Amino acid sequence: MQIEMKKTITLEAMDPIEIFGVGNRILDAFCGYFPGLKVVARGNEIHLEGSESQIQEFSQRFGELIDRRHHKMNLTVFDVEDIFDGSSSPDS
């Protein structure tokens, strides 16, 4: 049995558009890997609702996306694909 839970992720010291992308394009691509998770972005917060395992994985992978942003000037949808393919490091 899956445990349903809620979690809020707050972006600290970063403009949300740097992570979400214009028109939430990057966030939408990221969320495409979590079809069973309800994700709502409001301001500098992301509200998650779904299974505990999906929320934990989302949080871990989202942390990787934030780390990647610290190493790069701009994120793209390709950065999201790289995180899930596991084929490159944050500074590539």
N, C-alpha and C. Protein backbone atom coordinates (compact mmCIF):
# COMPACT_ATOMS: atom_id res chain seq x y z
N MET A 1 0.84 -1.20 0.00
CA MET A 1 0.00 0.00 0.00
C MET A 1 0.88 1.25 0.00
N GLN A 2 0.61 2.16 -0.92
CA GLN A 2 1.36 3.40 -1.01
C GLN A 2 0.86 4.39 0.04
N ILE A 3 1.78 5.07 0.67
CA ILE A 3 1.43 6.10 1.63
C ILE A 3 1.33 7.43 0.88
N GLU A 4 0.18 8.07 0.97
CA GLU A 4 0.00 9.38 0.33
C GLU A 4 0.50 10.46 1.29
N MET A 5 1.17 11.45 0.71
CA MET A 5 1.66 12.53 1.55
C MET A 5 1.73 13.82 0.75
N LYS A 6 2.01 14.91 1.44
CA LYS A 6 2.20 16.22 0.82
C LYS A 6 3.53 16.78 1.27
N LYS A 7 4.13 17.58 0.39
CA LYS A 7 5.40 18.21 0.72
C LYS A 7 5.50 19.52 -0.05
N THR A 8 6.16 20.51 0.55
CA THR A 8 6.41 21.78 -0.12
C THR A 8 7.92 21.98 -0.21
N ILE A 9 8.38 22.29 -1.42
CA ILE A 9 9.78 22.62 -1.66
C ILE A 9 9.85 24.11 -1.89
N THR A 10 10.72 24.81 -1.16
CA THR A 10 10.88 26.25 -1.31
C THR A 10 12.22 26.54 -1.96
N LEU A 11 12.20 27.33 -3.02
CA LEU A 11 13.43 27.74 -3.69
C LEU A 11 14.03 28.91 -2.92
N GLU A 12 15.24 28.73 -2.45
CA GLU A 12 15.91 29.76 -1.67
C GLU A 12 16.89 30.53 -2.54
N ALA A 13 16.88 31.85 -2.45
CA ALA A 13 17.86 32.72 -3.10
C ALA A 13 18.00 32.44 -4.60
N MET A 14 16.90 32.11 -5.25
CA MET A 14 16.94 31.83 -6.68
C MET A 14 15.61 32.25 -7.28
N ASP A 15 15.67 32.89 -8.43
CA ASP A 15 14.45 33.27 -9.14
C ASP A 15 13.79 32.00 -9.67
N PRO A 16 12.53 31.75 -9.36
CA PRO A 16 11.88 30.52 -9.81
C PRO A 16 11.95 30.29 -11.32
N ILE A 17 11.95 31.36 -12.11
CA ILE A 17 12.00 31.17 -13.57
C ILE A 17 13.30 30.51 -14.00
N GLU A 18 14.37 30.64 -13.19
CA GLU A 18 15.65 30.00 -13.51
C GLU A 18 15.53 28.47 -13.44
N ILE A 19 14.62 27.98 -12.62
CA ILE A 19 14.41 26.54 -12.46
C ILE A 19 13.19 26.07 -13.25
N PHE A 20 12.10 26.83 -13.21
CA PHE A 20 10.86 26.42 -13.86
C PHE A 20 10.92 26.60 -15.38
N GLY A 21 11.70 27.58 -15.82
CA GLY A 21 11.77 27.90 -17.24
C GLY A 21 10.64 28.83 -17.65
N VAL A 22 10.80 29.45 -18.80
CA VAL A 22 9.77 30.34 -19.33
C VAL A 22 8.52 29.51 -19.60
N GLY A 23 7.40 29.99 -19.09
CA GLY A 23 6.14 29.26 -19.26
C GLY A 23 6.15 27.90 -18.58
N ASN A 24 6.99 27.74 -17.56
CA ASN A 24 7.15 26.49 -16.80
C ASN A 24 7.60 25.31 -17.67
N ARG A 25 8.26 25.60 -18.79
CA ARG A 25 8.65 24.54 -19.73
C ARG A 25 9.57 23.50 -19.10
N ILE A 26 10.53 23.94 -18.31
CA ILE A 26 11.46 22.99 -17.68
C ILE A 26 10.74 22.20 -16.59
N LEU A 27 9.94 22.88 -15.78
CA LEU A 27 9.20 22.19 -14.73
C LEU A 27 8.23 21.18 -15.33
N ASP A 28 7.56 21.53 -16.41
CA ASP A 28 6.63 20.61 -17.06
C ASP A 28 7.35 19.36 -17.57
N ALA A 29 8.53 19.55 -18.17
CA ALA A 29 9.32 18.41 -18.65
C ALA A 29 9.74 17.54 -17.48
N PHE A 30 10.14 18.16 -16.38
CA PHE A 30 10.56 17.45 -15.17
C PHE A 30 9.39 16.64 -14.61
N CYS A 31 8.23 17.26 -14.53
CA CYS A 31 7.05 16.60 -13.96
C CYS A 31 6.55 15.46 -14.84
N GLY A 32 6.90 15.49 -16.12
CA GLY A 32 6.52 14.41 -17.02
C GLY A 32 7.07 13.06 -16.59
N TYR A 33 8.12 13.06 -15.79
CA TYR A 33 8.70 11.82 -15.27
C TYR A 33 7.97 11.31 -14.03
N PHE A 34 6.98 12.09 -13.55
CA PHE A 34 6.23 11.73 -12.35
C PHE A 34 4.73 11.85 -12.62
N PRO A 35 4.18 10.99 -13.49
CA PRO A 35 2.77 11.14 -13.87
C PRO A 35 1.78 10.95 -12.72
N GLY A 36 2.15 10.24 -11.67
CA GLY A 36 1.22 10.02 -10.57
C GLY A 36 1.30 11.06 -9.48
N LEU A 37 2.12 12.08 -9.68
CA LEU A 37 2.35 13.09 -8.66
C LEU A 37 1.65 14.39 -9.05
N LYS A 38 0.93 14.98 -8.10
CA LYS A 38 0.32 16.29 -8.34
C LYS A 38 1.34 17.34 -7.94
N VAL A 39 1.67 18.22 -8.90
CA VAL A 39 2.69 19.25 -8.68
C VAL A 39 2.09 20.61 -9.01
N VAL A 40 2.16 21.53 -8.03
CA VAL A 40 1.66 22.88 -8.24
C VAL A 40 2.76 23.87 -7.85
N ALA A 41 3.15 24.73 -8.80
CA ALA A 41 4.16 25.76 -8.53
C ALA A 41 3.46 27.07 -8.24
N ARG A 42 3.81 27.68 -7.12
CA ARG A 42 3.26 28.98 -6.72
C ARG A 42 4.40 29.83 -6.19
N GLY A 43 4.70 30.90 -6.91
CA GLY A 43 5.79 31.77 -6.46
C GLY A 43 7.09 31.00 -6.41
N ASN A 44 7.74 31.00 -5.25
CA ASN A 44 9.00 30.27 -5.11
C ASN A 44 8.81 28.91 -4.42
N GLU A 45 7.59 28.40 -4.45
CA GLU A 45 7.30 27.11 -3.82
C GLU A 45 6.73 26.11 -4.83
N ILE A 46 7.04 24.85 -4.57
CA ILE A 46 6.44 23.76 -5.32
C ILE A 46 5.72 22.87 -4.32
N HIS A 47 4.44 22.67 -4.54
CA HIS A 47 3.63 21.83 -3.66
C HIS A 47 3.45 20.47 -4.34
N LEU A 48 3.79 19.42 -3.60
CA LEU A 48 3.71 18.06 -4.12
C LEU A 48 2.66 17.28 -3.35
N GLU A 49 1.96 16.41 -4.06
CA GLU A 49 1.00 15.51 -3.41
C GLU A 49 1.01 14.19 -4.17
N GLY A 50 1.26 13.11 -3.43
CA GLY A 50 1.31 11.80 -4.06
C GLY A 50 1.94 10.77 -3.15
N SER A 51 2.45 9.71 -3.75
CA SER A 51 3.03 8.63 -2.94
C SER A 51 4.36 9.09 -2.34
N GLU A 52 4.66 8.54 -1.19
CA GLU A 52 5.89 8.89 -0.49
C GLU A 52 7.12 8.62 -1.36
N SER A 53 7.12 7.49 -2.06
CA SER A 53 8.28 7.13 -2.87
C SER A 53 8.47 8.11 -4.03
N GLN A 54 7.39 8.53 -4.68
CA GLN A 54 7.51 9.49 -5.78
C GLN A 54 7.94 10.86 -5.27
N ILE A 55 7.43 11.27 -4.13
CA ILE A 55 7.82 12.57 -3.57
C ILE A 55 9.30 12.55 -3.20
N GLN A 56 9.77 11.44 -2.63
CA GLN A 56 11.19 11.34 -2.28
C GLN A 56 12.07 11.40 -3.53
N GLU A 57 11.67 10.67 -4.57
CA GLU A 57 12.46 10.69 -5.80
C GLU A 57 12.42 12.07 -6.46
N PHE A 58 11.24 12.69 -6.49
CA PHE A 58 11.11 14.04 -7.06
C PHE A 58 12.05 14.99 -6.31
N SER A 59 12.03 14.94 -4.99
CA SER A 59 12.87 15.84 -4.20
C SER A 59 14.35 15.64 -4.50
N GLN A 60 14.77 14.40 -4.59
CA GLN A 60 16.17 14.09 -4.88
C GLN A 60 16.56 14.61 -6.27
N ARG A 61 15.76 14.28 -7.27
CA ARG A 61 16.07 14.69 -8.64
C ARG A 61 15.97 16.20 -8.81
N PHE A 62 15.02 16.82 -8.10
CA PHE A 62 14.89 18.28 -8.18
C PHE A 62 16.11 18.95 -7.57
N GLY A 63 16.65 18.35 -6.51
CA GLY A 63 17.90 18.85 -5.93
C GLY A 63 19.03 18.79 -6.95
N GLU A 64 19.06 17.74 -7.77
CA GLU A 64 20.06 17.62 -8.82
C GLU A 64 19.88 18.73 -9.86
N LEU A 65 18.63 19.06 -10.16
CA LEU A 65 18.36 20.13 -11.12
C LEU A 65 18.85 21.47 -10.57
N ILE A 66 18.62 21.72 -9.29
CA ILE A 66 19.09 22.96 -8.67
C ILE A 66 20.62 23.01 -8.66
N ASP A 67 21.27 21.89 -8.33
CA ASP A 67 22.73 21.83 -8.37
C ASP A 67 23.24 22.15 -9.77
N ARG A 68 22.59 21.60 -10.75
CA ARG A 68 22.99 21.83 -12.14
C ARG A 68 22.87 23.32 -12.48
N ARG A 69 21.82 23.96 -11.99
CA ARG A 69 21.64 25.40 -12.25
C ARG A 69 22.78 26.21 -11.65
N HIS A 70 23.32 25.78 -10.52
CA HIS A 70 24.44 26.49 -9.90
C HIS A 70 25.70 26.40 -10.75
N HIS A 71 25.80 25.39 -11.60
CA HIS A 71 26.97 25.19 -12.45
C HIS A 71 26.80 25.75 -13.86
N LYS A 72 25.57 26.07 -14.23
CA LYS A 72 25.28 26.52 -15.59
C LYS A 72 24.56 27.86 -15.56
N MET A 73 24.73 28.61 -16.64
CA MET A 73 24.05 29.90 -16.75
C MET A 73 22.54 29.72 -16.91
N ASN A 74 22.13 28.78 -17.76
CA ASN A 74 20.72 28.54 -18.03
C ASN A 74 20.45 27.05 -18.11
N LEU A 75 19.27 26.66 -17.64
CA LEU A 75 18.84 25.27 -17.77
C LEU A 75 18.00 25.11 -19.03
N THR A 76 18.01 23.90 -19.56
CA THR A 76 17.16 23.59 -20.71
C THR A 76 16.44 22.28 -20.43
N VAL A 77 15.53 21.93 -21.30
CA VAL A 77 14.82 20.65 -21.19
C VAL A 77 15.82 19.49 -21.30
N PHE A 78 16.91 19.70 -22.03
CA PHE A 78 17.93 18.66 -22.17
C PHE A 78 18.61 18.35 -20.83
N ASP A 79 18.71 19.37 -19.95
CA ASP A 79 19.26 19.13 -18.62
C ASP A 79 18.36 18.19 -17.83
N VAL A 80 17.06 18.35 -17.98
CA VAL A 80 16.10 17.46 -17.31
C VAL A 80 16.29 16.04 -17.82
N GLU A 81 16.40 15.88 -19.14
CA GLU A 81 16.60 14.55 -19.72
C GLU A 81 17.89 13.92 -19.21
N ASP A 82 18.96 14.71 -19.11
CA ASP A 82 20.24 14.20 -18.62
C ASP A 82 20.14 13.70 -17.18
N ILE A 83 19.39 14.40 -16.36
CA ILE A 83 19.24 14.00 -14.95
C ILE A 83 18.58 12.62 -14.87
N PHE A 84 17.59 12.38 -15.71
CA PHE A 84 16.90 11.10 -15.64
C PHE A 84 17.60 10.00 -16.41
N ASP A 85 18.39 10.37 -17.41
CA ASP A 85 19.18 9.37 -18.13
C ASP A 85 20.42 8.98 -17.34
N GLY A 86 20.88 9.89 -16.45
CA GLY A 86 22.07 9.63 -15.66
C GLY A 86 23.35 9.60 -16.49
N SER A 87 23.32 10.32 -17.63
CA SER A 87 24.43 10.20 -18.55
C SER A 87 25.46 11.32 -18.46
N SER A 88 25.22 12.30 -17.59
CA SER A 88 26.22 13.36 -17.51
C SER A 88 26.26 13.95 -16.10
N SER A 89 27.31 14.71 -15.84
CA SER A 89 27.50 15.31 -14.53
C SER A 89 26.91 16.71 -14.52
N PRO A 90 26.73 17.32 -13.33
CA PRO A 90 26.12 18.64 -13.23
C PRO A 90 26.87 19.74 -13.98
N ASP A 91 28.17 19.56 -14.21
CA ASP A 91 28.90 20.64 -14.87
C ASP A 91 29.15 20.36 -16.33
N SER A 92 28.37 19.50 -16.94
CA SER A 92 28.53 19.26 -18.37
C SER A 92 27.66 20.19 -19.18
